[in-house]
Amino acid sequence: MIKKFFIPVLILFVISCKKNDDNGGAGTIVQGDAVVYGQVMHHFSSLPNIKVWIKKGATSFPGQDTTLYDSFQISDASGFVRFDKLANGSYYFYAKGFDQVFWADVWGYVPFSIDNLPGEIKEYDVTIPVSE
């Protein structure tokens, strides 16, 4: 009697087991151990309150459509943004906002690469130049 009950339950259990796929099969950014500090600069001055988007896996500028980017940060009072837990790869930073000193809309972009050794925790600095 136990075998008749156990075997169907075991089969049902095996069939119902599957790999947990939280993203429905879409690509995800694999998290790593790099931290990138970016500073938005215009005419040698840092800019606060500028949105900075990041795109992983880009080998050329993805363009100004911000829906193509993975995430964004807003620069602090010193013009800095921080992106944590980045994996090895090619990235593009795209910044866009308003310079209150020059009273002008500004934007710019810069490529960046991360190439950490396995297990290496590393911090990077990048300047993100913007202009009118």
N, C-alpha and C. Protein backbone atom coordinates (compact mmCIF):
# COMPACT_ATOMS: atom_id res chain seq x y z
N MET A 1 0.81 -1.19 0.00
CA MET A 1 0.00 0.00 0.00
C MET A 1 0.87 1.27 0.00
N ILE A 2 1.94 1.28 0.79
CA ILE A 2 2.81 2.45 0.86
C ILE A 2 3.46 2.70 -0.49
N LYS A 3 3.90 1.65 -1.21
CA LYS A 3 4.53 1.81 -2.52
C LYS A 3 3.56 2.44 -3.51
N LYS A 4 2.29 2.01 -3.48
CA LYS A 4 1.30 2.55 -4.42
C LYS A 4 1.08 4.04 -4.17
N PHE A 5 1.16 4.48 -2.95
CA PHE A 5 0.98 5.88 -2.62
C PHE A 5 2.28 6.67 -2.83
N PHE A 6 3.41 6.13 -2.44
CA PHE A 6 4.69 6.82 -2.48
C PHE A 6 5.15 7.12 -3.90
N ILE A 7 5.05 6.17 -4.81
CA ILE A 7 5.56 6.36 -6.18
C ILE A 7 4.81 7.49 -6.90
N PRO A 8 3.49 7.54 -6.91
CA PRO A 8 2.82 8.68 -7.57
C PRO A 8 3.17 10.03 -6.94
N VAL A 9 3.31 10.06 -5.61
CA VAL A 9 3.68 11.32 -4.94
C VAL A 9 5.08 11.73 -5.33
N LEU A 10 6.00 10.78 -5.41
CA LEU A 10 7.37 11.07 -5.82
C LEU A 10 7.40 11.59 -7.25
N ILE A 11 6.65 10.96 -8.15
CA ILE A 11 6.61 11.40 -9.54
C ILE A 11 6.05 12.82 -9.62
N LEU A 12 4.98 13.08 -8.90
CA LEU A 12 4.39 14.41 -8.88
C LEU A 12 5.38 15.45 -8.35
N PHE A 13 6.12 15.11 -7.32
CA PHE A 13 7.12 16.01 -6.75
C PHE A 13 8.21 16.33 -7.77
N VAL A 14 8.73 15.32 -8.46
CA VAL A 14 9.80 15.52 -9.44
C VAL A 14 9.31 16.36 -10.61
N ILE A 15 8.09 16.10 -11.06
CA ILE A 15 7.55 16.86 -12.19
C ILE A 15 7.33 18.32 -11.81
N SER A 16 6.90 18.57 -10.60
CA SER A 16 6.59 19.94 -10.19
C SER A 16 7.83 20.76 -9.85
N CYS A 17 8.98 20.14 -9.68
CA CYS A 17 10.20 20.87 -9.38
C CYS A 17 10.72 21.53 -10.63
N LYS A 18 11.08 22.79 -10.53
CA LYS A 18 11.70 23.50 -11.64
C LYS A 18 12.64 24.55 -11.08
N LYS A 19 13.53 25.01 -11.94
CA LYS A 19 14.46 26.06 -11.56
C LYS A 19 13.69 27.36 -11.35
N ASN A 20 14.02 28.07 -10.31
CA ASN A 20 13.39 29.35 -10.03
C ASN A 20 13.90 30.38 -11.02
N ASP A 21 13.01 30.92 -11.86
CA ASP A 21 13.37 31.88 -12.89
C ASP A 21 12.58 33.16 -12.64
N ASP A 22 13.12 34.05 -11.84
CA ASP A 22 12.40 35.25 -11.43
C ASP A 22 12.16 36.23 -12.55
N ASN A 23 12.95 36.17 -13.61
CA ASN A 23 12.84 37.20 -14.64
C ASN A 23 12.18 36.70 -15.91
N GLY A 24 11.57 35.54 -15.91
CA GLY A 24 10.88 35.07 -17.10
C GLY A 24 11.80 34.79 -18.27
N GLY A 25 13.08 34.58 -18.02
CA GLY A 25 14.01 34.26 -19.09
C GLY A 25 14.68 35.48 -19.70
N ALA A 26 14.29 36.68 -19.29
CA ALA A 26 14.92 37.88 -19.82
C ALA A 26 16.32 38.03 -19.24
N GLY A 27 17.17 38.80 -19.92
CA GLY A 27 18.53 39.01 -19.45
C GLY A 27 18.56 39.82 -18.17
N THR A 28 19.50 39.52 -17.31
CA THR A 28 19.67 40.28 -16.08
C THR A 28 21.12 40.68 -15.95
N ILE A 29 21.35 41.72 -15.17
CA ILE A 29 22.72 42.11 -14.87
C ILE A 29 23.21 41.23 -13.73
N VAL A 30 24.26 40.49 -13.98
CA VAL A 30 24.85 39.66 -12.94
C VAL A 30 25.59 40.60 -11.99
N GLN A 31 25.28 40.50 -10.73
CA GLN A 31 25.92 41.39 -9.77
C GLN A 31 27.35 40.96 -9.51
N GLY A 32 28.20 41.95 -9.32
CA GLY A 32 29.60 41.69 -9.05
C GLY A 32 30.06 42.45 -7.83
N ASP A 33 31.37 42.69 -7.77
CA ASP A 33 31.97 43.32 -6.60
C ASP A 33 32.60 44.67 -6.90
N ALA A 34 32.19 45.32 -7.98
CA ALA A 34 32.77 46.62 -8.30
C ALA A 34 31.81 47.73 -7.88
N VAL A 35 32.41 48.84 -7.44
CA VAL A 35 31.67 50.05 -7.12
C VAL A 35 32.24 51.14 -8.02
N VAL A 36 31.35 51.88 -8.68
CA VAL A 36 31.79 52.97 -9.55
C VAL A 36 31.25 54.29 -9.00
N TYR A 37 32.18 55.22 -8.77
CA TYR A 37 31.83 56.58 -8.39
C TYR A 37 31.98 57.44 -9.64
N GLY A 38 30.89 58.04 -10.07
CA GLY A 38 30.92 58.92 -11.22
C GLY A 38 30.72 60.35 -10.80
N GLN A 39 31.43 61.27 -11.45
CA GLN A 39 31.24 62.69 -11.16
C GLN A 39 30.86 63.40 -12.45
N VAL A 40 29.72 64.08 -12.41
CA VAL A 40 29.24 64.83 -13.56
C VAL A 40 29.94 66.18 -13.58
N MET A 41 30.59 66.49 -14.72
CA MET A 41 31.37 67.73 -14.84
C MET A 41 30.95 68.52 -16.07
N HIS A 42 30.84 69.85 -15.88
CA HIS A 42 30.56 70.77 -16.98
C HIS A 42 31.45 71.99 -16.81
N HIS A 43 32.27 72.26 -17.82
CA HIS A 43 33.21 73.40 -17.75
C HIS A 43 34.04 73.37 -16.45
N PHE A 44 34.56 72.22 -16.11
CA PHE A 44 35.42 72.02 -14.94
C PHE A 44 34.70 72.20 -13.60
N SER A 45 33.38 72.23 -13.62
CA SER A 45 32.59 72.33 -12.39
C SER A 45 31.71 71.11 -12.25
N SER A 46 31.59 70.62 -11.03
CA SER A 46 30.71 69.47 -10.80
C SER A 46 29.26 69.95 -10.76
N LEU A 47 28.35 69.07 -11.18
CA LEU A 47 26.94 69.44 -11.27
C LEU A 47 26.08 68.58 -10.34
N PRO A 48 25.30 69.20 -9.48
CA PRO A 48 24.35 68.47 -8.64
C PRO A 48 23.03 68.24 -9.40
N ASN A 49 22.25 67.30 -8.89
CA ASN A 49 20.89 67.04 -9.38
C ASN A 49 20.81 66.69 -10.86
N ILE A 50 21.79 65.93 -11.34
CA ILE A 50 21.80 65.48 -12.74
C ILE A 50 21.52 63.98 -12.74
N LYS A 51 20.60 63.54 -13.59
CA LYS A 51 20.33 62.11 -13.71
C LYS A 51 21.44 61.45 -14.51
N VAL A 52 21.92 60.32 -13.98
CA VAL A 52 22.95 59.54 -14.66
C VAL A 52 22.42 58.12 -14.81
N TRP A 53 22.27 57.69 -16.06
CA TRP A 53 21.80 56.34 -16.37
C TRP A 53 22.99 55.45 -16.67
N ILE A 54 22.81 54.14 -16.45
CA ILE A 54 23.87 53.16 -16.72
C ILE A 54 23.29 52.04 -17.58
N LYS A 55 24.10 51.60 -18.55
CA LYS A 55 23.72 50.49 -19.43
C LYS A 55 24.86 49.49 -19.47
N LYS A 56 24.58 48.25 -19.09
CA LYS A 56 25.59 47.18 -19.13
C LYS A 56 25.55 46.49 -20.48
N GLY A 57 26.71 46.08 -20.96
CA GLY A 57 26.81 45.32 -22.20
C GLY A 57 26.81 46.17 -23.45
N ALA A 58 26.89 47.47 -23.31
CA ALA A 58 26.88 48.36 -24.47
C ALA A 58 28.31 48.59 -24.95
N THR A 59 28.53 48.39 -26.24
CA THR A 59 29.85 48.64 -26.82
C THR A 59 29.87 49.94 -27.61
N SER A 60 28.70 50.56 -27.78
CA SER A 60 28.59 51.88 -28.37
C SER A 60 27.47 52.62 -27.63
N PHE A 61 27.44 53.94 -27.79
CA PHE A 61 26.48 54.76 -27.07
C PHE A 61 25.05 54.31 -27.41
N PRO A 62 24.25 53.90 -26.40
CA PRO A 62 22.90 53.41 -26.65
C PRO A 62 21.92 54.49 -27.10
N GLY A 63 22.27 55.75 -26.96
CA GLY A 63 21.39 56.84 -27.37
C GLY A 63 20.74 57.51 -26.17
N GLN A 64 19.82 58.44 -26.47
CA GLN A 64 19.20 59.25 -25.43
C GLN A 64 17.87 58.68 -24.93
N ASP A 65 17.44 57.56 -25.44
CA ASP A 65 16.20 56.93 -24.97
C ASP A 65 16.50 56.25 -23.63
N THR A 66 16.06 56.86 -22.54
CA THR A 66 16.41 56.37 -21.21
C THR A 66 15.76 55.04 -20.87
N THR A 67 14.76 54.61 -21.63
CA THR A 67 14.15 53.30 -21.37
C THR A 67 15.08 52.16 -21.76
N LEU A 68 16.14 52.46 -22.49
CA LEU A 68 17.11 51.44 -22.90
C LEU A 68 18.15 51.15 -21.81
N TYR A 69 18.16 51.96 -20.76
CA TYR A 69 19.17 51.84 -19.71
C TYR A 69 18.67 50.97 -18.56
N ASP A 70 19.62 50.44 -17.78
CA ASP A 70 19.30 49.50 -16.71
C ASP A 70 18.84 50.18 -15.42
N SER A 71 19.43 51.30 -15.09
CA SER A 71 19.05 52.03 -13.88
C SER A 71 19.64 53.43 -13.93
N PHE A 72 19.32 54.24 -12.93
CA PHE A 72 19.88 55.58 -12.87
C PHE A 72 20.05 56.01 -11.42
N GLN A 73 20.87 57.04 -11.25
CA GLN A 73 21.07 57.71 -9.98
C GLN A 73 21.02 59.21 -10.25
N ILE A 74 20.81 60.01 -9.22
CA ILE A 74 20.84 61.46 -9.33
C ILE A 74 22.05 61.96 -8.57
N SER A 75 22.83 62.82 -9.22
CA SER A 75 24.07 63.29 -8.60
C SER A 75 23.78 64.11 -7.34
N ASP A 76 24.66 63.94 -6.36
CA ASP A 76 24.52 64.65 -5.09
C ASP A 76 25.02 66.09 -5.22
N ALA A 77 25.11 66.79 -4.11
CA ALA A 77 25.51 68.21 -4.10
C ALA A 77 26.91 68.43 -4.68
N SER A 78 27.75 67.39 -4.65
CA SER A 78 29.11 67.48 -5.20
C SER A 78 29.20 66.90 -6.61
N GLY A 79 28.06 66.54 -7.18
CA GLY A 79 28.05 66.01 -8.55
C GLY A 79 28.35 64.53 -8.66
N PHE A 80 28.36 63.81 -7.53
CA PHE A 80 28.71 62.39 -7.55
C PHE A 80 27.49 61.48 -7.58
N VAL A 81 27.65 60.36 -8.27
CA VAL A 81 26.72 59.23 -8.22
C VAL A 81 27.52 58.00 -7.85
N ARG A 82 26.82 56.98 -7.35
CA ARG A 82 27.49 55.73 -6.97
C ARG A 82 26.65 54.56 -7.46
N PHE A 83 27.30 53.67 -8.19
CA PHE A 83 26.67 52.43 -8.64
C PHE A 83 27.41 51.27 -7.99
N ASP A 84 26.66 50.45 -7.24
CA ASP A 84 27.23 49.33 -6.48
C ASP A 84 27.01 48.00 -7.18
N LYS A 85 27.82 47.03 -6.75
CA LYS A 85 27.67 45.62 -7.13
C LYS A 85 27.62 45.41 -8.64
N LEU A 86 28.54 46.05 -9.35
CA LEU A 86 28.60 45.89 -10.80
C LEU A 86 29.52 44.74 -11.16
N ALA A 87 29.12 43.99 -12.15
CA ALA A 87 29.90 42.85 -12.64
C ALA A 87 30.86 43.30 -13.73
N ASN A 88 31.78 42.42 -14.08
CA ASN A 88 32.69 42.70 -15.19
C ASN A 88 31.90 42.94 -16.47
N GLY A 89 32.42 43.82 -17.30
CA GLY A 89 31.77 44.07 -18.58
C GLY A 89 31.94 45.50 -19.03
N SER A 90 31.30 45.78 -20.17
CA SER A 90 31.31 47.12 -20.77
C SER A 90 30.05 47.86 -20.36
N TYR A 91 30.21 49.13 -20.02
CA TYR A 91 29.10 49.96 -19.58
C TYR A 91 29.13 51.29 -20.31
N TYR A 92 27.98 51.93 -20.37
CA TYR A 92 27.88 53.32 -20.80
C TYR A 92 27.13 54.09 -19.74
N PHE A 93 27.65 55.26 -19.41
CA PHE A 93 26.98 56.20 -18.53
C PHE A 93 26.44 57.34 -19.40
N TYR A 94 25.20 57.72 -19.16
CA TYR A 94 24.57 58.82 -19.88
C TYR A 94 23.99 59.78 -18.85
N ALA A 95 24.38 61.05 -18.95
CA ALA A 95 23.92 62.05 -17.99
C ALA A 95 23.17 63.15 -18.73
N LYS A 96 22.09 63.61 -18.08
CA LYS A 96 21.30 64.69 -18.68
C LYS A 96 20.65 65.50 -17.57
N GLY A 97 20.69 66.83 -17.73
CA GLY A 97 20.08 67.69 -16.72
C GLY A 97 20.23 69.15 -17.07
N PHE A 98 20.18 69.98 -16.05
CA PHE A 98 20.22 71.43 -16.22
C PHE A 98 21.32 72.02 -15.35
N ASP A 99 22.19 72.81 -15.97
CA ASP A 99 23.25 73.51 -15.25
C ASP A 99 22.72 74.88 -14.86
N GLN A 100 22.52 75.10 -13.56
CA GLN A 100 21.93 76.35 -13.08
C GLN A 100 22.90 77.52 -13.13
N VAL A 101 24.19 77.23 -13.18
CA VAL A 101 25.17 78.31 -13.27
C VAL A 101 25.19 78.89 -14.68
N PHE A 102 25.25 78.02 -15.68
CA PHE A 102 25.28 78.46 -17.09
C PHE A 102 23.88 78.59 -17.69
N TRP A 103 22.87 78.21 -16.90
CA TRP A 103 21.46 78.28 -17.32
C TRP A 103 21.27 77.60 -18.67
N ALA A 104 21.67 76.30 -18.70
CA ALA A 104 21.62 75.56 -19.96
C ALA A 104 21.32 74.08 -19.70
N ASP A 105 20.60 73.48 -20.64
CA ASP A 105 20.43 72.03 -20.63
C ASP A 105 21.75 71.40 -21.05
N VAL A 106 22.16 70.35 -20.35
CA VAL A 106 23.42 69.69 -20.65
C VAL A 106 23.21 68.18 -20.72
N TRP A 107 24.06 67.53 -21.47
CA TRP A 107 24.03 66.07 -21.53
C TRP A 107 25.39 65.58 -22.02
N GLY A 108 25.66 64.31 -21.75
CA GLY A 108 26.90 63.70 -22.19
C GLY A 108 26.92 62.24 -21.83
N TYR A 109 27.93 61.55 -22.34
CA TYR A 109 28.04 60.13 -22.07
C TYR A 109 29.51 59.72 -22.08
N VAL A 110 29.76 58.57 -21.49
CA VAL A 110 31.13 58.06 -21.45
C VAL A 110 31.07 56.54 -21.32
N PRO A 111 31.94 55.83 -22.06
CA PRO A 111 32.03 54.37 -21.88
C PRO A 111 32.90 54.04 -20.68
N PHE A 112 32.72 52.84 -20.16
CA PHE A 112 33.51 52.41 -19.01
C PHE A 112 33.55 50.89 -18.98
N SER A 113 34.69 50.32 -18.60
CA SER A 113 34.84 48.86 -18.51
C SER A 113 35.28 48.46 -17.11
N ILE A 114 34.76 47.32 -16.68
CA ILE A 114 35.15 46.73 -15.39
C ILE A 114 35.74 45.37 -15.69
N ASP A 115 36.91 45.12 -15.12
CA ASP A 115 37.60 43.85 -15.36
C ASP A 115 38.25 43.39 -14.05
N ASN A 116 37.43 43.04 -13.08
CA ASN A 116 37.94 42.57 -11.80
C ASN A 116 38.40 41.12 -11.90
N LEU A 117 39.36 40.77 -11.09
CA LEU A 117 39.75 39.37 -10.94
C LEU A 117 38.68 38.67 -10.10
N PRO A 118 38.54 37.35 -10.21
CA PRO A 118 37.53 36.65 -9.40
C PRO A 118 37.70 36.94 -7.91
N GLY A 119 36.63 37.36 -7.27
CA GLY A 119 36.66 37.65 -5.84
C GLY A 119 37.22 39.01 -5.47
N GLU A 120 37.73 39.75 -6.45
CA GLU A 120 38.32 41.06 -6.19
C GLU A 120 37.23 42.11 -5.99
N ILE A 121 37.35 42.87 -4.93
CA ILE A 121 36.44 43.98 -4.66
C ILE A 121 37.20 45.25 -5.00
N LYS A 122 36.66 46.04 -5.93
CA LYS A 122 37.40 47.19 -6.42
C LYS A 122 36.48 48.38 -6.61
N GLU A 123 37.02 49.58 -6.37
CA GLU A 123 36.28 50.82 -6.59
C GLU A 123 36.90 51.56 -7.77
N TYR A 124 36.05 52.13 -8.60
CA TYR A 124 36.47 52.86 -9.78
C TYR A 124 35.93 54.28 -9.72
N ASP A 125 36.67 55.20 -10.33
CA ASP A 125 36.22 56.59 -10.48
C ASP A 125 36.10 56.89 -11.97
N VAL A 126 35.05 57.59 -12.33
CA VAL A 126 34.86 57.99 -13.73
C VAL A 126 34.30 59.41 -13.75
N THR A 127 34.80 60.21 -14.65
CA THR A 127 34.26 61.54 -14.89
C THR A 127 33.28 61.45 -16.04
N ILE A 128 32.10 62.03 -15.85
CA ILE A 128 31.08 62.00 -16.89
C ILE A 128 30.94 63.45 -17.39
N PRO A 129 31.58 63.75 -18.53
CA PRO A 129 31.54 65.12 -19.04
C PRO A 129 30.21 65.40 -19.72
N VAL A 130 29.66 66.60 -19.48
CA VAL A 130 28.44 67.02 -20.15
C VAL A 130 28.68 68.39 -20.79
N SER A 131 27.89 68.70 -21.80
CA SER A 131 27.97 70.00 -22.44
C SER A 131 26.60 70.38 -22.99
N GLU A 132 26.51 71.61 -23.50
CA GLU A 132 25.23 72.09 -24.03
C GLU A 132 24.87 71.35 -25.30
